[in-house]
Every structure is written in structure tokens, then in C-alpha cells.
C-alpha atoms as a PDB file:
ATOM      1  CA  MET A   1       0.000   0.000   0.000  1.00  0.00           C
ATOM      2  CA  PRO A   2       1.217   3.311  -0.790  1.00  0.00           C
ATOM      3  CA  ASP A   3       2.001   5.719   1.999  1.00  0.00           C
ATOM      4  CA  VAL A   4      -0.550   8.450   2.001  1.00  0.00           C
ATOM      5  CA  THR A   5       0.225  11.524   3.938  1.00  0.00           C
ATOM      6  CA  PRO A   6      -2.277  14.224   4.198  1.00  0.00           C
ATOM      7  CA  ALA A   7      -1.394  17.477   2.747  1.00  0.00           C
ATOM      8  CA  PRO A   8      -0.484  20.197   5.187  1.00  0.00           C
ATOM      9  CA  ASP A   9      -3.434  22.291   4.136  1.00  0.00           C
ATOM     10  CA  ALA A  10      -5.874  19.425   4.505  1.00  0.00           C
ATOM     11  CA  PRO A  11      -8.424  19.798   7.304  1.00  0.00           C
ATOM     12  CA  ALA A  12      -7.892  17.512  10.334  1.00  0.00           C
ATOM     13  CA  ALA A  13     -10.427  15.004  11.529  1.00  0.00           C
ATOM     14  CA  PRO A  14     -13.209  16.545  13.622  1.00  0.00           C
ATOM     15  CA  GLU A  15     -12.015  14.764  16.808  1.00  0.00           C
ATOM     16  CA  GLN A  16      -8.537  16.118  16.460  1.00  0.00           C
ATOM     17  CA  ALA A  17      -9.852  19.591  15.827  1.00  0.00           C
ATOM     18  CA  ALA A  18     -11.680  19.648  19.180  1.00  0.00           C
ATOM     19  CA  ALA A  19      -8.696  18.302  21.104  1.00  0.00           C
ATOM     20  CA  GLU A  20      -6.266  20.685  19.558  1.00  0.00           C
ATOM     21  CA  LYS A  21      -8.271  23.837  20.224  1.00  0.00           C
ATOM     22  CA  THR A  22      -6.058  26.533  21.546  1.00  0.00           C
ATOM     23  CA  TYR A  23      -7.006  28.839  24.381  1.00  0.00           C
ATOM     24  CA  THR A  24      -5.778  32.269  25.113  1.00  0.00           C
ATOM     25  CA  GLN A  25      -4.090  33.056  28.410  1.00  0.00           C
ATOM     26  CA  ALA A  26      -7.098  35.114  29.482  1.00  0.00           C
ATOM     27  CA  GLU A  27      -9.436  32.169  28.906  1.00  0.00           C
ATOM     28  CA  VAL A  28      -7.142  29.840  30.896  1.00  0.00           C
ATOM     29  CA  ASN A  29      -6.877  32.374  33.715  1.00  0.00           C
ATOM     30  CA  ALA A  30     -10.657  32.837  33.814  1.00  0.00           C
ATOM     31  CA  ALA A  31     -11.255  29.060  33.871  1.00  0.00           C
ATOM     32  CA  ALA A  32      -8.665  28.599  36.660  1.00  0.00           C
ATOM     33  CA  ALA A  33     -10.191  31.441  38.700  1.00  0.00           C
ATOM     34  CA  ALA A  34     -13.662  29.929  38.321  1.00  0.00           C
ATOM     35  CA  ALA A  35     -12.343  26.531  39.400  1.00  0.00           C
ATOM     36  CA  ARG A  36     -10.561  28.084  42.397  1.00  0.00           C
ATOM     37  CA  LYS A  37     -13.706  29.955  43.357  1.00  0.00           C
ATOM     38  CA  THR A  38     -15.783  26.766  43.130  1.00  0.00           C
ATOM     39  CA  ASP A  39     -13.157  24.795  45.045  1.00  0.00           C
ATOM     40  CA  LYS A  40     -12.944  27.492  47.744  1.00  0.00           C
ATOM     41  CA  ALA A  41     -16.730  27.575  48.124  1.00  0.00           C
ATOM     42  CA  THR A  42     -16.821  23.781  48.367  1.00  0.00           C
ATOM     43  CA  LEU A  43     -13.936  23.775  50.849  1.00  0.00           C
ATOM     44  CA  ASP A  44     -15.597  26.479  52.970  1.00  0.00           C
ATOM     45  CA  ALA A  45     -18.866  24.549  52.980  1.00  0.00           C
ATOM     46  CA  GLY A  46     -17.011  21.373  53.939  1.00  0.00           C
ATOM     47  CA  ASN A  47     -15.107  23.134  56.737  1.00  0.00           C
ATOM     48  CA  ALA A  48     -18.348  24.645  58.049  1.00  0.00           C
ATOM     49  CA  ALA A  49     -19.979  21.214  58.041  1.00  0.00           C
ATOM     50  CA  ILE A  50     -16.982  19.722  59.856  1.00  0.00           C
ATOM     51  CA  ALA A  51     -17.062  22.500  62.462  1.00  0.00           C
ATOM     52  CA  LYS A  52     -20.808  22.055  62.948  1.00  0.00           C
ATOM     53  CA  LEU A  53     -20.356  18.284  63.317  1.00  0.00           C
ATOM     54  CA  ALA A  54     -17.534  18.769  65.821  1.00  0.00           C
ATOM     55  CA  ASP A  55     -19.708  21.205  67.786  1.00  0.00           C
ATOM     56  CA  LEU A  56     -22.609  18.754  67.802  1.00  0.00           C
ATOM     57  CA  GLU A  57     -20.296  15.934  68.882  1.00  0.00           C
ATOM     58  CA  ALA A  58     -18.929  18.115  71.686  1.00  0.00           C
ATOM     59  CA  LYS A  59     -22.445  18.970  72.827  1.00  0.00           C
ATOM     60  CA  SER A  60     -23.568  15.372  72.668  1.00  0.00           C
ATOM     61  CA  LEU A  61     -20.367  14.273  74.418  1.00  0.00           C
ATOM     62  CA  SER A  62     -20.867  16.836  77.140  1.00  0.00           C
ATOM     63  CA  GLU A  63     -24.470  15.695  77.427  1.00  0.00           C
ATOM     64  CA  ALA A  64     -23.234  12.116  77.674  1.00  0.00           C
ATOM     65  CA  GLU A  65     -20.708  13.143  80.314  1.00  0.00           C
ATOM     66  CA  LYS A  66     -23.439  14.994  82.215  1.00  0.00           C
ATOM     67  CA  SER A  67     -25.634  11.927  82.012  1.00  0.00           C
ATOM     68  CA  GLU A  68     -22.807   9.688  83.206  1.00  0.00           C
ATOM     69  CA  LYS A  69     -22.151  12.069  86.102  1.00  0.00           C
ATOM     70  CA  ARG A  70     -25.824  12.086  87.056  1.00  0.00           C
ATOM     71  CA  ILE A  71     -25.941   8.294  86.845  1.00  0.00           C
ATOM     72  CA  ALA A  72     -22.842   7.993  89.045  1.00  0.00           C
ATOM     73  CA  GLU A  73     -24.372  10.422  91.570  1.00  0.00           C
ATOM     74  CA  MET A  74     -27.607   8.468  91.674  1.00  0.00           C
ATOM     75  CA  GLU A  75     -25.756   5.159  92.056  1.00  0.00           C
ATOM     76  CA  LYS A  76     -23.780   6.668  94.957  1.00  0.00           C
ATOM     77  CA  ARG A  77     -26.986   7.909  96.571  1.00  0.00           C
ATOM     78  CA  ILE A  78     -28.557   4.495  96.166  1.00  0.00           C
ATOM     79  CA  ALA A  79     -25.467   2.797  97.644  1.00  0.00           C
ATOM     80  CA  ASP A  80     -25.403   5.266 100.560  1.00  0.00           C
ATOM     81  CA  GLY A  81     -29.108   4.745 101.143  1.00  0.00           C
ATOM     82  CA  GLU A  82     -28.655   0.986 101.017  1.00  0.00           C
ATOM     83  CA  ALA A  83     -25.743   1.168 103.490  1.00  0.00           C
ATOM     84  CA  ALA A  84     -27.807   3.362 105.836  1.00  0.00           C
ATOM     85  CA  ARG A  85     -30.750   0.983 105.577  1.00  0.00           C
ATOM     86  CA  VAL A  86     -28.547  -2.027 106.378  1.00  0.00           C
ATOM     87  CA  ALA A  87     -26.940  -0.181 109.310  1.00  0.00           C
ATOM     88  CA  ALA A  88     -30.362   0.775 110.693  1.00  0.00           C
ATOM     89  CA  GLU A  89     -31.600  -2.781 110.212  1.00  0.00           C
ATOM     90  CA  LEU A  90     -28.566  -4.190 112.078  1.00  0.00           C
ATOM     91  CA  ALA A  91     -28.985  -1.646 114.897  1.00  0.00           C
ATOM     92  CA  SER A  92     -32.632  -2.602 115.218  1.00  0.00           C
ATOM     93  CA  MET A  93     -31.692  -6.290 115.213  1.00  0.00           C
ATOM     94  CA  ARG A  94     -29.027  -5.701 117.918  1.00  0.00           C
ATOM     95  CA  SER A  95     -31.531  -3.836 120.095  1.00  0.00           C
ATOM     96  CA  ARG A  96     -34.218  -6.477 119.650  1.00  0.00           C
ATOM     97  CA  ILE A  97     -31.886  -9.427 120.326  1.00  0.00           C
ATOM     98  CA  GLY A  98     -30.144  -7.648 123.214  1.00  0.00           C
ATOM     99  CA  ALA A  99     -33.439  -6.826 124.878  1.00  0.00           C
ATOM    100  CA  ALA A 100     -34.747 -10.368 124.357  1.00  0.00           C
ATOM    101  CA  LYS A 101     -31.600 -11.908 125.903  1.00  0.00           C
ATOM    102  CA  LYS A 102     -31.491  -9.261 128.663  1.00  0.00           C
ATOM    103  CA  VAL A 103     -28.077  -7.867 127.696  1.00  0.00           C
ATOM    104  CA  PRO A 104     -27.378  -4.658 129.675  1.00  0.00           C
ATOM    105  CA  ALA A 105     -28.356  -1.570 127.657  1.00  0.00           C
ATOM    106  CA  SER A 106     -24.817  -0.175 127.822  1.00  0.00           C
ATOM    107  CA  LEU A 107     -23.504  -3.281 126.022  1.00  0.00           C
ATOM    108  CA  ILE A 108     -26.174  -3.654 123.320  1.00  0.00           C
ATOM    109  CA  ASP A 109     -24.333  -1.283 120.940  1.00  0.00           C
ATOM    110  CA  ARG A 110     -21.214  -3.448 121.286  1.00  0.00           C
ATOM    111  CA  LEU A 111     -22.903  -6.530 119.866  1.00  0.00           C
ATOM    112  CA  VAL A 112     -21.464  -7.418 116.466  1.00  0.00           C
ATOM    113  CA  GLY A 113     -22.597  -9.572 113.567  1.00  0.00           C
ATOM    114  CA  ASP A 114     -24.012  -9.437 110.075  1.00  0.00           C
ATOM    115  CA  ASP A 115     -27.106 -11.508 110.659  1.00  0.00           C
ATOM    116  CA  GLU A 116     -29.439 -12.539 113.446  1.00  0.00           C
ATOM    117  CA  ALA A 117     -27.556 -15.762 114.261  1.00  0.00           C
ATOM    118  CA  SER A 118     -24.162 -14.066 114.651  1.00  0.00           C
ATOM    119  CA  ILE A 119     -25.600 -11.226 116.758  1.00  0.00           C
ATOM    120  CA  SER A 120     -27.396 -13.775 118.934  1.00  0.00           C
ATOM    121  CA  ALA A 121     -24.155 -15.757 119.371  1.00  0.00           C
ATOM    122  CA  ASP A 122     -22.308 -12.565 120.325  1.00  0.00           C
ATOM    123  CA  ALA A 123     -25.030 -11.688 122.851  1.00  0.00           C
ATOM    124  CA  ASP A 124     -24.642 -15.156 124.398  1.00  0.00           C
ATOM    125  CA  ALA A 125     -20.857 -14.612 124.623  1.00  0.00           C
ATOM    126  CA  VAL A 126     -21.353 -11.230 126.308  1.00  0.00           C
ATOM    127  CA  LEU A 127     -23.809 -12.733 128.775  1.00  0.00           C
ATOM    128  CA  ALA A 128     -21.382 -15.586 129.518  1.00  0.00           C
ATOM    129  CA  ALA A 129     -18.622 -13.060 130.242  1.00  0.00           C
ATOM    130  CA  ILE A 130     -20.957 -11.080 132.487  1.00  0.00           C
ATOM    131  CA  GLY A 131     -22.028 -14.314 134.219  1.00  0.00           C
ATOM    132  CA  ASP A 132     -18.405 -15.156 135.064  1.00  0.00           C
ATOM    133  CA  THR A 133     -17.933 -11.810 136.781  1.00  0.00           C
ATOM    134  CA  LYS A 134     -21.187 -12.243 138.704  1.00  0.00           C
ATOM    135  CA  LYS A 135     -20.120 -15.686 139.961  1.00  0.00           C
ATOM    136  CA  ASN A 136     -16.837 -14.435 141.316  1.00  0.00           C
ATOM    137  CA  GLY A 137     -18.236 -11.133 142.387  1.00  0.00           C
ATOM    138  CA  ASN A 138     -16.367  -7.939 142.140  1.00  0.00           C
ATOM    139  CA  ARG A 139     -13.431  -8.835 144.350  1.00  0.00           C
ATOM    140  CA  VAL A 140      -9.695  -8.766 144.248  1.00  0.00           C
ATOM    141  CA  PRO A 141      -8.146 -12.133 145.197  1.00  0.00           C
ATOM    142  CA  ARG A 142      -5.569 -10.784 147.671  1.00  0.00           C
ATOM    143  CA  GLU A 143      -7.511  -7.788 148.851  1.00  0.00           C
ATOM    144  CA  GLY A 144      -6.392  -6.566 152.271  1.00  0.00           C
ATOM    145  CA  THR A 145      -3.179  -8.560 152.381  1.00  0.00           C
ATOM    146  CA  THR A 146       0.277  -7.092 152.207  1.00  0.00           C
ATOM    147  CA  PRO A 147       2.704  -8.573 149.763  1.00  0.00           C
ATOM    148  CA  ASN A 148       5.644 -10.378 151.264  1.00  0.00           C
ATOM    149  CA  ALA A 149       8.189  -7.955 152.621  1.00  0.00           C
ATOM    150  CA  PRO A 150      11.523  -8.125 150.914  1.00  0.00           C
ATOM    151  CA  LYS A 151      14.070 -10.230 152.675  1.00  0.00           C
ATOM    152  CA  ASP A 152      16.867  -8.536 154.540  1.00  0.00           C
ATOM    153  CA  ASP A 153      19.397 -10.275 152.312  1.00  0.00           C
ATOM    154  CA  ASP A 154      17.955  -8.486 149.267  1.00  0.00           C
ATOM    155  CA  ARG A 155      18.188  -5.131 151.018  1.00  0.00           C
ATOM    156  CA  ALA A 156      21.762  -5.767 152.054  1.00  0.00           C
ATOM    157  CA  PHE A 157      22.689  -6.759 148.513  1.00  0.00           C
ATOM    158  CA  ALA A 158      21.118  -3.588 147.128  1.00  0.00           C
ATOM    159  CA  ARG A 159      22.947  -1.422 149.663  1.00  0.00           C
ATOM    160  CA  GLU A 160      26.234  -3.068 148.801  1.00  0.00           C
ATOM    161  CA  LEU A 161      25.618  -2.715 145.090  1.00  0.00           C
ATOM    162  CA  PHE A 162      24.764   0.942 145.201  1.00  0.00           C
ATOM    163  CA  GLY A 163      27.058   1.778 148.075  1.00  0.00           C
ATOM    164  CA  GLY A 164      24.465   3.330 150.232  1.00  0.00           C
ATOM    165  CA  GLY A 165      23.467   3.322 153.831  1.00  0.00           C
ATOM    166  CA  GLU A 166      26.634   2.826 155.909  1.00  0.00           C
END
């Protein structure tokens, strides 16, 4: 096949004509400015949306933190109320058991235990200790007696040791 080259004055194919269109510097500058303006507007809108989202997240986070704080406060109040209720219940149980077993009123507050059985056992132990003192009475075993006087040998030794007396 013979090589056919188009003549330099021959018109180019329509596709090539569109791709090879030349622009002036003013047209390029105008197109770039329009693109920058569009990009800047899009970027500003995106930044505003990000800031709004961050603000909403901060508000919702602070609301969540406030809720968590309120929940923790309420749980503490409930725990304190429960502890007070248990303490009052144990005090009532000590008083009831102490009165039933005839433990002296001054010793009822000293009864210990976490349940009725342990408080009852402690009341029995207190009464047993009180019973021992009642059996023996309030006496001192050697009341009214003088301890043995020290022997003269001990006194003489002490005088010799410390060089006193003579």
C-alpha cells in the first residue's frame, strides 16, 4: 500500500480539531479562577460542616458526660441509702436481740454480727462473760493482804551494790 500523507493544508479530523483547540491566556486564567472559586466555596462549605459536626459531637459528648455524672451520683446515693438501711436494720436487730436476751443496755451497741444468728451468738458470749464476773463477784483475790516484805538479804545486797546506807 502506498504511503498516504495528508497534505499540510488538509483539514484535520473533527475529533482532532476539538482536542487541539487553543485557548488564550485570558481564557485559561478565567477558567482557573472559576475553578478556584468553586473549590474554595466547596472547601468552605465542607469546613463549616466539619465544624458544625464537631460542635454537635462536643455537645452530645458533654451531654453524655453529664448523664454519666448524674448516673454515678444516683448510684452513689442508692449505695449510701442501702448502706444506711442495712446499718439501721442491724442496729434494730441488735436492740431487739439484746433486749430479748437481757443484755445490759450499755452493752447492746457493742454486739457485732451481720445476721441474726451471729448477733445472737455474740449476745450469748457477752452474757457468759458477764455471768463469770457475777459468779466471782467484784473482788480482788488478795484484797487486804500485804505482799511479802523483801528479805533482809535483798536489802543488804542492794545497799552493797549501790554503796548506800553505811
